[in-house]
Amino acid sequence: MSRRGARKPAICHIGIAVLALLLAGSEGRAADSLTTTFASSLTAVPAEVAIVSGAVYVPVYSSVAMNPGKVQADFSVTLSIHNASEQRPLIVRRINYFDTAGALVEAHLREPVALKPFATVEIFVPTKDTRGGTGANFVVDWAATGEIAEPVVEALMVGGIGAGHYAFISQGRPIRLTGR
């Protein structure tokens, strides 16, 4: 085997190692971005035990088939989580993004955060990030230390194909509620 052929595995291993580091760091960057970008929307996570909790499922579309098998439009996705309570913080425990097959694409929180009353945080998925596919979704787990209005969780998709531009909203649906 030539020296050139012997180098390929080493270069391949280095490339895989670099890719693994970049992917491992993406979860941290997403979590850091949320807490940094929306610092004014956040408050300390309450020390009291959460007595109410729930989960919201939000279907999103990073891609949509415009003509099956021929034309696909890609969309950016903005997931918005609104604390609909005027008095209590909303504890957000998990924001996970799943693809069409139900596989986890990205976890957006390392630890719980608390939203101030009437505050909002957002997760943005750029147009070029089509990992979610046509059946992507988010699951948001939330909690509170007392009675609270359920959070409003929805996604805005924006994209275009050719000269046409499209925007649509997908509203979250409660999939679990405990403690009331």
Protein backbone atom coordinates (compact mmCIF):
# COMPACT_ATOMS: atom_id res chain seq x y z
CA MET A 1 0.00 0.00 0.00
CA SER A 2 1.34 3.46 -0.81
CA ARG A 3 1.98 6.08 1.83
CA ARG A 4 -0.86 8.11 0.40
CA GLY A 5 -3.33 5.25 0.98
CA ALA A 6 -2.09 4.82 4.54
CA ARG A 7 -2.94 8.41 5.42
CA LYS A 8 -6.62 8.21 4.50
CA PRO A 9 -7.72 6.38 7.67
CA ALA A 10 -5.84 8.84 9.89
CA ILE A 11 -7.35 11.83 8.09
CA CYS A 12 -10.76 10.18 8.18
CA HIS A 13 -10.46 9.58 11.96
CA ILE A 14 -9.44 13.20 12.51
CA GLY A 15 -12.39 14.38 10.41
CA ILE A 16 -14.79 12.20 12.37
CA ALA A 17 -13.35 13.43 15.68
CA VAL A 18 -13.74 17.08 14.63
CA LEU A 19 -17.32 16.44 13.47
CA ALA A 20 -18.15 14.72 16.77
CA LEU A 21 -16.80 17.70 18.73
CA LEU A 22 -18.81 20.13 16.62
CA LEU A 23 -22.01 18.12 17.04
CA ALA A 24 -21.45 17.67 20.78
CA GLY A 25 -20.98 21.42 21.14
CA SER A 26 -24.16 22.29 19.23
CA GLU A 27 -26.41 21.28 22.14
CA GLY A 28 -24.45 23.53 24.48
CA ARG A 29 -24.53 26.42 22.02
CA ALA A 30 -28.31 26.08 21.62
CA ALA A 31 -28.83 26.12 25.39
CA ASP A 32 -26.40 29.00 25.87
CA SER A 33 -28.06 30.93 23.05
CA LEU A 34 -31.49 30.62 24.68
CA THR A 35 -30.29 31.81 28.10
CA THR A 36 -28.18 34.60 26.60
CA THR A 37 -30.58 35.87 23.94
CA PHE A 38 -33.61 35.78 26.23
CA ALA A 39 -31.95 36.69 29.55
CA SER A 40 -34.47 39.50 30.10
CA SER A 41 -37.34 36.98 29.78
CA LEU A 42 -35.89 34.63 32.39
CA THR A 43 -35.94 34.56 36.18
CA ALA A 44 -34.51 32.20 38.79
CA VAL A 45 -36.01 28.72 38.80
CA PRO A 46 -38.26 28.62 41.91
CA ALA A 47 -36.94 26.59 44.85
CA GLU A 48 -40.45 25.33 45.71
CA VAL A 49 -41.63 21.97 44.42
CA ALA A 50 -43.50 22.13 41.13
CA ILE A 51 -47.06 20.88 41.68
CA VAL A 52 -48.35 21.35 38.13
CA SER A 53 -46.65 20.07 35.00
CA GLY A 54 -47.37 19.26 31.41
CA ALA A 55 -45.98 18.67 27.96
CA VAL A 56 -46.83 20.28 24.64
CA TYR A 57 -46.33 18.69 21.21
CA VAL A 58 -45.79 21.09 18.29
CA PRO A 59 -45.70 19.76 14.72
CA VAL A 60 -43.28 21.75 12.55
CA TYR A 61 -42.14 21.53 8.96
CA SER A 62 -38.54 22.23 8.00
CA SER A 63 -39.42 20.95 4.52
CA VAL A 64 -42.67 20.57 2.60
CA ALA A 65 -43.19 18.65 -0.63
CA MET A 66 -44.72 21.09 -3.10
CA ASN A 67 -44.99 18.45 -5.83
CA PRO A 68 -44.25 15.00 -4.38
CA GLY A 69 -40.90 13.67 -5.57
CA LYS A 70 -40.15 16.73 -7.67
CA VAL A 71 -40.20 20.02 -5.75
CA GLN A 72 -39.53 20.64 -2.07
CA ALA A 73 -39.70 23.94 -0.19
CA ASP A 74 -37.52 24.43 2.87
CA PHE A 75 -38.66 26.58 5.77
CA SER A 76 -37.14 28.28 8.76
CA VAL A 77 -38.90 27.46 12.03
CA THR A 78 -39.35 29.75 15.02
CA LEU A 79 -40.71 27.94 18.07
CA SER A 80 -42.18 30.39 20.60
CA ILE A 81 -42.91 29.47 24.21
CA HIS A 82 -45.11 32.04 25.96
CA ASN A 83 -45.78 32.14 29.68
CA ALA A 84 -49.50 32.94 29.71
CA SER A 85 -49.52 33.53 33.47
CA GLU A 86 -49.64 37.05 34.82
CA GLN A 87 -48.39 36.02 38.26
CA ARG A 88 -46.20 32.90 38.25
CA PRO A 89 -43.00 31.89 36.52
CA LEU A 90 -43.23 29.08 34.00
CA ILE A 91 -40.53 26.44 34.43
CA VAL A 92 -39.42 24.98 31.09
CA ARG A 93 -37.77 21.62 31.69
CA ARG A 94 -37.21 20.36 28.15
CA ILE A 95 -37.28 21.64 24.58
CA ASN A 96 -36.49 18.74 22.24
CA TYR A 97 -36.56 18.75 18.45
CA PHE A 98 -37.39 15.47 16.67
CA ASP A 99 -37.25 14.46 13.00
CA THR A 100 -39.86 12.74 10.80
CA ALA A 101 -38.81 9.30 12.10
CA GLY A 102 -39.13 10.40 15.74
CA ALA A 103 -35.38 10.52 16.36
CA LEU A 104 -34.00 13.31 18.54
CA VAL A 105 -32.36 15.97 16.37
CA GLU A 106 -31.42 18.42 19.12
CA ALA A 107 -32.02 19.03 22.82
CA HIS A 108 -32.24 22.78 23.42
CA LEU A 109 -31.91 22.84 27.22
CA ARG A 110 -29.20 21.52 29.52
CA GLU A 111 -31.14 22.45 32.65
CA PRO A 112 -34.54 23.96 33.41
CA VAL A 113 -35.17 27.68 32.93
CA ALA A 114 -37.99 29.83 34.30
CA LEU A 115 -39.87 32.43 32.27
CA LYS A 116 -41.14 35.56 33.95
CA PRO A 117 -44.89 36.18 33.85
CA PHE A 118 -46.00 37.00 30.27
CA ALA A 119 -42.42 36.44 28.99
CA THR A 120 -41.45 34.51 25.86
CA VAL A 121 -38.45 32.53 24.63
CA GLU A 122 -37.82 31.23 21.13
CA ILE A 123 -35.87 28.52 19.35
CA PHE A 124 -34.88 29.19 15.74
CA VAL A 125 -34.15 26.52 13.12
CA PRO A 126 -32.68 28.09 9.95
CA THR A 127 -34.01 27.31 6.48
CA LYS A 128 -30.88 25.37 5.51
CA ASP A 129 -31.29 23.02 8.51
CA THR A 130 -33.60 20.38 7.04
CA ARG A 131 -32.68 17.63 9.53
CA GLY A 132 -36.27 17.60 10.83
CA GLY A 133 -37.84 16.89 7.46
CA THR A 134 -41.52 17.02 6.58
CA GLY A 135 -42.76 15.55 9.86
CA ALA A 136 -40.54 17.30 12.42
CA ASN A 137 -41.81 18.27 15.86
CA PHE A 138 -40.89 19.83 19.17
CA VAL A 139 -41.85 18.60 22.62
CA VAL A 140 -41.80 21.15 25.45
CA ASP A 141 -42.04 19.97 29.07
CA TRP A 142 -43.11 22.62 31.55
CA ALA A 143 -44.00 22.97 35.24
CA ALA A 144 -45.11 25.52 37.84
CA THR A 145 -45.19 25.82 41.62
CA GLY A 146 -48.94 26.53 41.68
CA GLU A 147 -52.01 27.04 39.53
CA ILE A 148 -50.97 28.59 36.24
CA ALA A 149 -52.41 29.28 32.82
CA GLU A 150 -51.10 26.67 30.40
CA PRO A 151 -48.28 28.02 28.25
CA VAL A 152 -48.92 29.01 24.65
CA VAL A 153 -46.48 27.14 22.41
CA GLU A 154 -46.54 27.57 18.66
CA ALA A 155 -44.24 27.55 15.65
CA LEU A 156 -43.96 29.93 12.72
CA MET A 157 -42.59 28.51 9.49
CA VAL A 158 -41.34 30.90 6.79
CA GLY A 159 -39.89 29.98 3.40
CA GLY A 160 -40.25 30.23 -0.30
CA ILE A 161 -39.78 28.58 -3.62
CA GLY A 162 -39.14 30.55 -6.75
CA ALA A 163 -40.98 33.86 -6.51
CA GLY A 164 -43.50 32.49 -3.99
CA HIS A 165 -43.13 33.05 -0.27
CA TYR A 166 -45.05 31.17 2.37
CA ALA A 167 -45.63 31.52 6.10
CA PHE A 168 -47.81 29.47 8.39
CA ILE A 169 -48.28 28.75 12.08
CA SER A 170 -48.59 25.43 13.88
CA GLN A 171 -50.11 25.49 17.35
CA GLY A 172 -48.94 23.21 20.14
CA ARG A 173 -51.21 20.55 21.59
CA PRO A 174 -51.12 19.41 25.22
CA ILE A 175 -50.01 15.79 25.46
CA ARG A 176 -49.67 15.57 29.23
CA LEU A 177 -51.03 17.53 32.21
CA THR A 178 -50.57 16.53 35.83
CA GLY A 179 -51.26 18.02 39.22
CA ARG A 180 -54.44 20.00 38.81
